[in-house]
PDB file of N, CA and C in Angstrom:
ATOM      1  N   UNK A   1       0.839  -1.166   0.000  1.00  0.00           N
ATOM      2  CA  UNK A   1       0.000   0.000   0.000  1.00  0.00           C
ATOM      3  C   UNK A   1       0.889   1.236   0.000  1.00  0.00           C
ATOM      4  N   UNK A   2       0.593   2.179  -0.871  1.00  0.00           N
ATOM      5  CA  UNK A   2       1.318   3.452  -0.905  1.00  0.00           C
ATOM      6  C   UNK A   2       0.439   4.503  -0.243  1.00  0.00           C
ATOM      7  N   UNK A   3       0.937   5.080   0.831  1.00  0.00           N
ATOM      8  CA  UNK A   3       0.184   6.130   1.511  1.00  0.00           C
ATOM      9  C   UNK A   3       1.061   7.341   1.609  1.00  0.00           C
ATOM     10  N   UNK A   4       0.937   8.129   2.657  1.00  0.00           N
ATOM     11  CA  UNK A   4       1.736   9.333   2.788  1.00  0.00           C
ATOM     12  C   UNK A   4       3.187   9.011   2.523  1.00  0.00           C
ATOM     13  N   UNK A   5       3.794   9.767   1.656  1.00  0.00           N
ATOM     14  CA  UNK A   5       5.078   9.374   1.097  1.00  0.00           C
ATOM     15  C   UNK A   5       6.268  10.016   1.777  1.00  0.00           C
ATOM     16  N   UNK A   6       7.360   9.317   1.677  1.00  0.00           N
ATOM     17  CA  UNK A   6       8.651   9.903   1.978  1.00  0.00           C
ATOM     18  C   UNK A   6       9.195  10.428   0.667  1.00  0.00           C
ATOM     19  N   UNK A   7      10.308  11.085   0.686  1.00  0.00           N
ATOM     20  CA  UNK A   7      10.898  11.592  -0.543  1.00  0.00           C
ATOM     21  C   UNK A   7      11.160  10.462  -1.519  1.00  0.00           C
ATOM     22  N   UNK A   8      11.559   9.299  -1.052  1.00  0.00           N
ATOM     23  CA  UNK A   8      11.827   8.166  -1.924  1.00  0.00           C
ATOM     24  C   UNK A   8      10.594   7.704  -2.675  1.00  0.00           C
ATOM     25  N   UNK A   9       9.457   7.655  -2.010  1.00  0.00           N
ATOM     26  CA  UNK A   9       8.229   7.238  -2.668  1.00  0.00           C
ATOM     27  C   UNK A   9       7.808   8.278  -3.684  1.00  0.00           C
ATOM     28  N   UNK A  10       7.927   9.551  -3.323  1.00  0.00           N
ATOM     29  CA  UNK A  10       7.576  10.613  -4.260  1.00  0.00           C
ATOM     30  C   UNK A  10       8.459  10.527  -5.492  1.00  0.00           C
ATOM     31  N   UNK A  11       9.735  10.264  -5.300  1.00  0.00           N
ATOM     32  CA  UNK A  11      10.665  10.131  -6.420  1.00  0.00           C
ATOM     33  C   UNK A  11      10.274   8.948  -7.296  1.00  0.00           C
ATOM     34  N   UNK A  12       9.869   7.856  -6.686  1.00  0.00           N
ATOM     35  CA  UNK A  12       9.465   6.677  -7.449  1.00  0.00           C
ATOM     36  C   UNK A  12       8.290   7.008  -8.365  1.00  0.00           C
ATOM     37  N   UNK A  13       7.373   7.825  -7.893  1.00  0.00           N
ATOM     38  CA  UNK A  13       6.220   8.204  -8.718  1.00  0.00           C
ATOM     39  C   UNK A  13       6.659   9.077  -9.880  1.00  0.00           C
ATOM     40  N   UNK A  14       7.642   9.930  -9.648  1.00  0.00           N
ATOM     41  CA  UNK A  14       8.099  10.832 -10.702  1.00  0.00           C
ATOM     42  C   UNK A  14       8.748  10.081 -11.855  1.00  0.00           C
ATOM     43  N   UNK A  15       9.382   8.960 -11.576  1.00  0.00           N
ATOM     44  CA  UNK A  15      10.060   8.210 -12.625  1.00  0.00           C
ATOM     45  C   UNK A  15       9.245   7.009 -13.099  1.00  0.00           C
ATOM     46  N   UNK A  16       8.046   6.839 -12.558  1.00  0.00           N
ATOM     47  CA  UNK A  16       7.213   5.698 -12.944  1.00  0.00           C
ATOM     48  C   UNK A  16       6.788   5.820 -14.399  1.00  0.00           C
ATOM     49  N   UNK A  17       6.768   4.698 -15.081  1.00  0.00           N
ATOM     50  CA  UNK A  17       6.303   4.671 -16.454  1.00  0.00           C
ATOM     51  C   UNK A  17       4.796   4.447 -16.516  1.00  0.00           C
ATOM     52  N   UNK A  18       4.209   4.017 -15.433  1.00  0.00           N
ATOM     53  CA  UNK A  18       2.771   3.750 -15.380  1.00  0.00           C
ATOM     54  C   UNK A  18       2.014   5.045 -15.081  1.00  0.00           C
ATOM     55  N   UNK A  19       0.760   5.143 -15.518  1.00  0.00           N
ATOM     56  CA  UNK A  19      -0.073   6.271 -15.093  1.00  0.00           C
ATOM     57  C   UNK A  19      -0.255   6.207 -13.572  1.00  0.00           C
ATOM     58  N   UNK A  20      -0.271   7.353 -12.944  1.00  0.00           N
ATOM     59  CA  UNK A  20      -0.360   7.440 -11.484  1.00  0.00           C
ATOM     60  C   UNK A  20      -1.766   7.861 -11.074  1.00  0.00           C
ATOM     61  N   UNK A  21      -2.365   7.084 -10.156  1.00  0.00           N
ATOM     62  CA  UNK A  21      -3.708   7.353  -9.650  1.00  0.00           C
ATOM     63  C   UNK A  21      -3.645   7.511  -8.142  1.00  0.00           C
ATOM     64  N   UNK A  22      -4.345   8.502  -7.628  1.00  0.00           N
ATOM     65  CA  UNK A  22      -4.499   8.680  -6.185  1.00  0.00           C
ATOM     66  C   UNK A  22      -5.917   8.269  -5.815  1.00  0.00           C
ATOM     67  N   UNK A  23      -6.039   7.274  -4.935  1.00  0.00           N
ATOM     68  CA  UNK A  23      -7.336   6.796  -4.453  1.00  0.00           C
ATOM     69  C   UNK A  23      -7.585   7.432  -3.095  1.00  0.00           C
ATOM     70  N   UNK A  24      -8.684   8.181  -2.974  1.00  0.00           N
ATOM     71  CA  UNK A  24      -9.047   8.836  -1.714  1.00  0.00           C
ATOM     72  C   UNK A  24     -10.371   8.234  -1.252  1.00  0.00           C
ATOM     73  N   UNK A  25     -10.312   7.498  -0.148  1.00  0.00           N
ATOM     74  CA  UNK A  25     -11.493   6.799   0.374  1.00  0.00           C
ATOM     75  C   UNK A  25     -11.308   6.563   1.863  1.00  0.00           C
ATOM     76  N   UNK A  26     -12.303   6.947   2.654  1.00  0.00           N
ATOM     77  CA  UNK A  26     -12.226   6.767   4.106  1.00  0.00           C
ATOM     78  C   UNK A  26     -12.298   5.307   4.521  1.00  0.00           C
ATOM     79  N   UNK A  27     -13.082   4.520   3.824  1.00  0.00           N
ATOM     80  CA  UNK A  27     -13.251   3.114   4.166  1.00  0.00           C
ATOM     81  C   UNK A  27     -12.030   2.334   3.679  1.00  0.00           C
ATOM     82  N   UNK A  28     -11.273   1.813   4.623  1.00  0.00           N
ATOM     83  CA  UNK A  28     -10.014   1.129   4.299  1.00  0.00           C
ATOM     84  C   UNK A  28     -10.221  -0.097   3.410  1.00  0.00           C
ATOM     85  N   UNK A  29     -11.323  -0.817   3.598  1.00  0.00           N
ATOM     86  CA  UNK A  29     -11.595  -2.013   2.786  1.00  0.00           C
ATOM     87  C   UNK A  29     -11.849  -1.611   1.339  1.00  0.00           C
ATOM     88  N   UNK A  30     -12.698  -0.603   1.122  1.00  0.00           N
ATOM     89  CA  UNK A  30     -12.978  -0.133  -0.235  1.00  0.00           C
ATOM     90  C   UNK A  30     -11.726   0.445  -0.880  1.00  0.00           C
ATOM     91  N   UNK A  31     -10.977   1.233  -0.092  1.00  0.00           N
ATOM     92  CA  UNK A  31      -9.752   1.862  -0.616  1.00  0.00           C
ATOM     93  C   UNK A  31      -8.761   0.800  -1.067  1.00  0.00           C
ATOM     94  N   UNK A  32      -8.543  -0.199  -0.233  1.00  0.00           N
ATOM     95  CA  UNK A  32      -7.591  -1.259  -0.549  1.00  0.00           C
ATOM     96  C   UNK A  32      -8.030  -2.070  -1.765  1.00  0.00           C
ATOM     97  N   UNK A  33      -9.319  -2.408  -1.820  1.00  0.00           N
ATOM     98  CA  UNK A  33      -9.830  -3.188  -2.952  1.00  0.00           C
ATOM     99  C   UNK A  33      -9.722  -2.405  -4.257  1.00  0.00           C
ATOM    100  N   UNK A  34     -10.041  -1.134  -4.205  1.00  0.00           N
ATOM    101  CA  UNK A  34      -9.935  -0.290  -5.401  1.00  0.00           C
ATOM    102  C   UNK A  34      -8.493  -0.175  -5.858  1.00  0.00           C
ATOM    103  N   UNK A  35      -7.602   0.060  -4.915  1.00  0.00           N
ATOM    104  CA  UNK A  35      -6.173   0.188  -5.245  1.00  0.00           C
ATOM    105  C   UNK A  35      -5.639  -1.119  -5.833  1.00  0.00           C
ATOM    106  N   UNK A  36      -6.051  -2.233  -5.271  1.00  0.00           N
ATOM    107  CA  UNK A  36      -5.595  -3.535  -5.771  1.00  0.00           C
ATOM    108  C   UNK A  36      -6.013  -3.742  -7.225  1.00  0.00           C
ATOM    109  N   UNK A  37      -7.252  -3.404  -7.536  1.00  0.00           N
ATOM    110  CA  UNK A  37      -7.741  -3.572  -8.913  1.00  0.00           C
ATOM    111  C   UNK A  37      -7.031  -2.615  -9.878  1.00  0.00           C
ATOM    112  N   UNK A  38      -6.794  -1.406  -9.435  1.00  0.00           N
ATOM    113  CA  UNK A  38      -6.089  -0.448 -10.293  1.00  0.00           C
ATOM    114  C   UNK A  38      -4.649  -0.898 -10.547  1.00  0.00           C
ATOM    115  N   UNK A  39      -3.986  -1.411  -9.516  1.00  0.00           N
ATOM    116  CA  UNK A  39      -2.621  -1.928  -9.707  1.00  0.00           C
ATOM    117  C   UNK A  39      -2.614  -3.106 -10.680  1.00  0.00           C
ATOM    118  N   UNK A  40      -3.594  -3.985 -10.542  1.00  0.00           N
ATOM    119  CA  UNK A  40      -3.690  -5.130 -11.444  1.00  0.00           C
ATOM    120  C   UNK A  40      -3.918  -4.682 -12.888  1.00  0.00           C
ATOM    121  N   UNK A  41      -4.535  -3.520 -13.052  1.00  0.00           N
ATOM    122  CA  UNK A  41      -4.781  -2.977 -14.388  1.00  0.00           C
ATOM    123  C   UNK A  41      -3.582  -2.201 -14.923  1.00  0.00           C
ATOM    124  N   UNK A  42      -2.520  -2.104 -14.126  1.00  0.00           N
ATOM    125  CA  UNK A  42      -1.292  -1.485 -14.610  1.00  0.00           C
ATOM    126  C   UNK A  42      -1.010  -0.069 -14.142  1.00  0.00           C
ATOM    127  N   UNK A  43      -1.754   0.407 -13.155  1.00  0.00           N
ATOM    128  CA  UNK A  43      -1.540   1.760 -12.641  1.00  0.00           C
ATOM    129  C   UNK A  43      -0.595   1.753 -11.439  1.00  0.00           C
ATOM    130  N   UNK A  44       0.128   2.847 -11.265  1.00  0.00           N
ATOM    131  CA  UNK A  44       0.863   3.128 -10.024  1.00  0.00           C
ATOM    132  C   UNK A  44      -0.154   3.804  -9.123  1.00  0.00           C
ATOM    133  N   UNK A  45      -0.371   3.271  -7.921  1.00  0.00           N
ATOM    134  CA  UNK A  45      -1.461   3.753  -7.070  1.00  0.00           C
ATOM    135  C   UNK A  45      -0.934   4.240  -5.726  1.00  0.00           C
ATOM    136  N   UNK A  46      -1.426   5.399  -5.315  1.00  0.00           N
ATOM    137  CA  UNK A  46      -1.185   5.933  -3.982  1.00  0.00           C
ATOM    138  C   UNK A  46      -2.539   6.032  -3.303  1.00  0.00           C
ATOM    139  N   UNK A  47      -2.539   5.913  -1.982  1.00  0.00           N
ATOM    140  CA  UNK A  47      -3.787   5.894  -1.236  1.00  0.00           C
ATOM    141  C   UNK A  47      -3.800   6.967  -0.150  1.00  0.00           C
ATOM    142  N   UNK A  48      -4.979   7.548   0.035  1.00  0.00           N
ATOM    143  CA  UNK A  48      -5.191   8.515   1.112  1.00  0.00           C
ATOM    144  C   UNK A  48      -6.535   8.213   1.751  1.00  0.00           C
ATOM    145  N   UNK A  49      -6.594   8.313   3.069  1.00  0.00           N
ATOM    146  CA  UNK A  49      -7.823   8.016   3.804  1.00  0.00           C
ATOM    147  C   UNK A  49      -8.762   9.213   3.874  1.00  0.00           C
ATOM    148  N   UNK A  50      -8.246  10.402   3.576  1.00  0.00           N
ATOM    149  CA  UNK A  50      -9.078  11.598   3.670  1.00  0.00           C
ATOM    150  C   UNK A  50      -8.458  12.732   2.859  1.00  0.00           C
ATOM    151  N   UNK A  51      -9.135  13.870   2.838  1.00  0.00           N
ATOM    152  CA  UNK A  51      -8.671  14.995   2.027  1.00  0.00           C
ATOM    153  C   UNK A  51      -7.359  15.593   2.536  1.00  0.00           C
ATOM    154  N   UNK A  52      -7.116  15.511   3.833  1.00  0.00           N
ATOM    155  CA  UNK A  52      -5.864  16.034   4.383  1.00  0.00           C
ATOM    156  C   UNK A  52      -4.682  15.219   3.871  1.00  0.00           C
ATOM    157  N   UNK A  53      -4.793  13.893   3.930  1.00  0.00           N
ATOM    158  CA  UNK A  53      -3.733  13.032   3.404  1.00  0.00           C
ATOM    159  C   UNK A  53      -3.574  13.227   1.891  1.00  0.00           C
ATOM    160  N   UNK A  54      -4.686  13.353   1.193  1.00  0.00           N
ATOM    161  CA  UNK A  54      -4.629  13.539  -0.264  1.00  0.00           C
ATOM    162  C   UNK A  54      -3.902  14.832  -0.614  1.00  0.00           C
ATOM    163  N   UNK A  55      -4.202  15.892   0.096  1.00  0.00           N
ATOM    164  CA  UNK A  55      -3.555  17.178  -0.168  1.00  0.00           C
ATOM    165  C   UNK A  55      -2.043  17.092   0.052  1.00  0.00           C
ATOM    166  N   UNK A  56      -1.627  16.407   1.101  1.00  0.00           N
ATOM    167  CA  UNK A  56      -0.193  16.246   1.358  1.00  0.00           C
ATOM    168  C   UNK A  56       0.484  15.470   0.234  1.00  0.00           C
ATOM    169  N   UNK A  57      -0.159  14.421  -0.226  1.00  0.00           N
ATOM    170  CA  UNK A  57       0.403  13.635  -1.329  1.00  0.00           C
ATOM    171  C   UNK A  57       0.472  14.459  -2.612  1.00  0.00           C
ATOM    172  N   UNK A  58      -0.582  15.208  -2.891  1.00  0.00           N
ATOM    173  CA  UNK A  58      -0.628  15.987  -4.124  1.00  0.00           C
ATOM    174  C   UNK A  58       0.427  17.086  -4.185  1.00  0.00           C
ATOM    175  N   UNK A  59       0.924  17.498  -3.031  1.00  0.00           N
ATOM    176  CA  UNK A  59       2.006  18.492  -3.013  1.00  0.00           C
ATOM    177  C   UNK A  59       3.312  17.908  -3.527  1.00  0.00           C
ATOM    178  N   UNK A  60       3.488  16.592  -3.375  1.00  0.00           N
ATOM    179  CA  UNK A  60       4.756  15.942  -3.721  1.00  0.00           C
ATOM    180  C   UNK A  60       4.705  15.046  -4.947  1.00  0.00           C
ATOM    181  N   UNK A  61       3.521  14.582  -5.304  1.00  0.00           N
ATOM    182  CA  UNK A  61       3.423  13.563  -6.347  1.00  0.00           C
ATOM    183  C   UNK A  61       2.497  14.041  -7.463  1.00  0.00           C
ATOM    184  N   UNK A  62       3.011  14.098  -8.680  1.00  0.00           N
ATOM    185  CA  UNK A  62       2.118  14.426  -9.797  1.00  0.00           C
ATOM    186  C   UNK A  62       1.264  13.203 -10.135  1.00  0.00           C
ATOM    187  N   UNK A  63      -0.039  13.377 -10.157  1.00  0.00           N
ATOM    188  CA  UNK A  63      -0.926  12.263 -10.465  1.00  0.00           C
ATOM    189  C   UNK A  63      -1.624  12.517 -11.788  1.00  0.00           C
ATOM    190  N   UNK A  64      -1.968  11.439 -12.452  1.00  0.00           N
ATOM    191  CA  UNK A  64      -2.690  11.530 -13.713  1.00  0.00           C
ATOM    192  C   UNK A  64      -4.200  11.508 -13.501  1.00  0.00           C
ATOM    193  N   UNK A  65      -4.635  10.888 -12.398  1.00  0.00           N
ATOM    194  CA  UNK A  65      -6.070  10.789 -12.123  1.00  0.00           C
ATOM    195  C   UNK A  65      -6.320  10.642 -10.625  1.00  0.00           C
ATOM    196  N   UNK A  66      -7.485  11.125 -10.193  1.00  0.00           N
ATOM    197  CA  UNK A  66      -7.941  10.947  -8.817  1.00  0.00           C
ATOM    198  C   UNK A  66      -9.157  10.034  -8.828  1.00  0.00           C
ATOM    199  N   UNK A  67      -9.204   9.112  -7.891  1.00  0.00           N
ATOM    200  CA  UNK A  67     -10.360   8.254  -7.698  1.00  0.00           C
ATOM    201  C   UNK A  67     -10.901   8.635  -6.324  1.00  0.00           C
ATOM    202  N   UNK A  68     -12.042   9.333  -6.287  1.00  0.00           N
ATOM    203  CA  UNK A  68     -12.540   9.918  -5.045  1.00  0.00           C
ATOM    204  C   UNK A  68     -13.836   9.286  -4.581  1.00  0.00           C
ATOM    205  N   UNK A  69     -13.978   9.245  -3.270  1.00  0.00           N
ATOM    206  CA  UNK A  69     -15.245   8.885  -2.654  1.00  0.00           C
ATOM    207  C   UNK A  69     -16.049  10.185  -2.529  1.00  0.00           C
ATOM    208  N   UNK A  70     -17.293  10.147  -2.965  1.00  0.00           N
ATOM    209  CA  UNK A  70     -18.128  11.341  -2.890  1.00  0.00           C
ATOM    210  C   UNK A  70     -19.333  11.036  -2.012  1.00  0.00           C
ATOM    211  N   UNK A  71     -19.530  11.889  -1.012  1.00  0.00           N
ATOM    212  CA  UNK A  71     -20.683  11.731  -0.122  1.00  0.00           C
ATOM    213  C   UNK A  71     -21.776  12.711  -0.523  1.00  0.00           C
ATOM    214  N   UNK A  72     -23.016  12.297  -0.346  1.00  0.00           N
ATOM    215  CA  UNK A  72     -24.148  13.169  -0.674  1.00  0.00           C
ATOM    216  C   UNK A  72     -24.498  14.021   0.501  1.00  0.00           C
TER     217      UNK A  72
END
């Protein structure tokens, strides 16, 4: 699982050849299952449990797509 990153993880994303997706989901089971399927499909995946974690990751890691949980 890739979560809040160190400089090494951020660097790994910068040199990744795969598209990078950030999965933001409070429910750990849903987040993990979604990330697993995206990785199996060939994506580099980072995970955040909430908007605060996502914002911290987005400061260091360029992402190609966000997969977000939306509440009504």
